[in-house]
Amino acid sequence: MNRPACKRCLLHELDGEYFRSIYQYIASIPSEQKTPPEEYARRLALCRACESLQNGMCAQCGCFVEVRAAKQVQHCPTGRWTGDSRKRT
């Protein structure tokens, strides 16, 4: 299904078929390196509220925000969340 581009959408809200490989990559991240589900959801909520989110990508660094948020050691380039899921920003 092709939907119009949405500046504040995440990849799974766009054309899901096109981004299947991104979700396969996220699923392949070893569990000890993955962000816990509740923290992942919190990070994505912060990304969705950010002006830099454009079509599932961060305009600050060019990453797919769902991939960056899925990796526990990653951090937000604008400081909205840290790379340690035990810390809250």
Protein backbone atom coordinates (compact mmCIF):
# COMPACT_ATOMS: atom_id res chain seq x y z
CA MET A 1 0.00 0.00 0.00
CA ASN A 2 1.42 3.37 -1.00
CA ARG A 3 0.60 6.21 1.33
CA PRO A 4 1.62 9.82 0.88
CA ALA A 5 4.85 10.76 2.65
CA CYS A 6 4.39 11.97 6.19
CA LYS A 7 7.04 14.19 7.74
CA ARG A 8 6.26 13.02 11.25
CA CYS A 9 5.78 9.34 10.48
CA LEU A 10 7.99 6.45 11.42
CA LEU A 11 8.96 3.86 8.83
CA HIS A 12 6.30 1.36 9.85
CA GLU A 13 3.67 4.01 9.10
CA LEU A 14 4.96 4.54 5.57
CA ASP A 15 5.14 1.82 2.94
CA GLY A 16 5.84 -1.18 5.16
CA GLU A 17 6.83 -3.47 2.30
CA TYR A 18 9.63 -1.15 1.22
CA PHE A 19 11.14 -1.00 4.70
CA ARG A 20 10.90 -4.73 5.48
CA SER A 21 14.70 -5.09 5.44
CA ILE A 22 15.02 -2.37 8.12
CA TYR A 23 12.74 -4.34 10.42
CA GLN A 24 14.59 -7.56 9.63
CA TYR A 25 17.80 -5.80 10.67
CA ILE A 26 16.23 -4.54 13.92
CA ALA A 27 15.00 -8.07 14.67
CA SER A 28 18.53 -9.41 14.12
CA ILE A 29 20.13 -7.14 16.74
CA PRO A 30 21.34 -9.38 19.60
CA SER A 31 19.07 -9.09 22.63
CA GLU A 32 21.91 -7.89 24.88
CA GLN A 33 22.43 -4.94 22.50
CA LYS A 34 18.75 -4.13 22.03
CA THR A 35 16.91 -1.37 23.83
CA PRO A 36 14.20 -2.71 26.19
CA PRO A 37 10.71 -2.41 24.62
CA GLU A 38 9.43 0.29 26.98
CA GLU A 39 12.54 2.41 26.43
CA TYR A 40 12.33 1.85 22.66
CA ALA A 41 8.75 3.15 22.68
CA ARG A 42 9.79 6.16 24.80
CA ARG A 43 12.64 7.00 22.42
CA LEU A 44 10.36 6.77 19.38
CA ALA A 45 7.79 9.02 21.07
CA LEU A 46 10.51 11.61 21.60
CA CYS A 47 11.60 11.27 17.97
CA ARG A 48 8.01 11.71 16.77
CA ALA A 49 7.77 14.98 18.69
CA CYS A 50 11.02 16.27 17.17
CA GLU A 51 11.10 18.76 14.29
CA SER A 52 14.02 16.83 12.79
CA LEU A 53 11.97 13.70 12.05
CA GLN A 54 11.26 13.54 8.34
CA ASN A 55 9.83 10.44 6.71
CA GLY A 56 11.28 8.09 9.31
CA MET A 57 14.73 9.66 9.20
CA CYS A 58 16.53 12.10 11.47
CA ALA A 59 17.45 15.27 9.58
CA GLN A 60 20.26 15.87 12.10
CA CYS A 61 22.24 12.68 11.45
CA GLY A 62 20.49 10.92 8.56
CA CYS A 63 19.70 7.73 10.46
CA PHE A 64 16.50 5.73 10.41
CA VAL A 65 15.24 6.63 13.88
CA GLU A 66 13.75 3.19 14.51
CA VAL A 67 17.19 1.59 14.01
CA ARG A 68 18.99 4.14 16.19
CA ALA A 69 16.39 3.82 18.95
CA ALA A 70 16.60 0.00 18.83
CA LYS A 71 20.29 -0.07 19.75
CA GLN A 72 20.82 0.38 23.46
CA VAL A 73 24.16 2.21 23.16
CA GLN A 74 22.95 4.78 20.62
CA HIS A 75 21.92 8.31 21.55
CA CYS A 76 19.87 11.10 20.04
CA PRO A 77 22.01 13.64 18.16
CA THR A 78 19.96 16.47 19.67
CA GLY A 79 20.18 15.07 23.23
CA ARG A 80 16.53 14.01 23.60
CA TRP A 81 17.61 10.57 24.90
CA THR A 82 20.88 8.98 25.94
CA GLY A 83 22.64 5.80 24.91
CA ASP A 84 22.11 4.21 28.29
CA SER A 85 18.53 3.01 28.66
CA ARG A 86 18.85 3.19 32.45
CA LYS A 87 19.19 6.97 32.24
CA ARG A 88 16.25 9.20 31.54
CA THR A 89 16.68 12.57 29.85
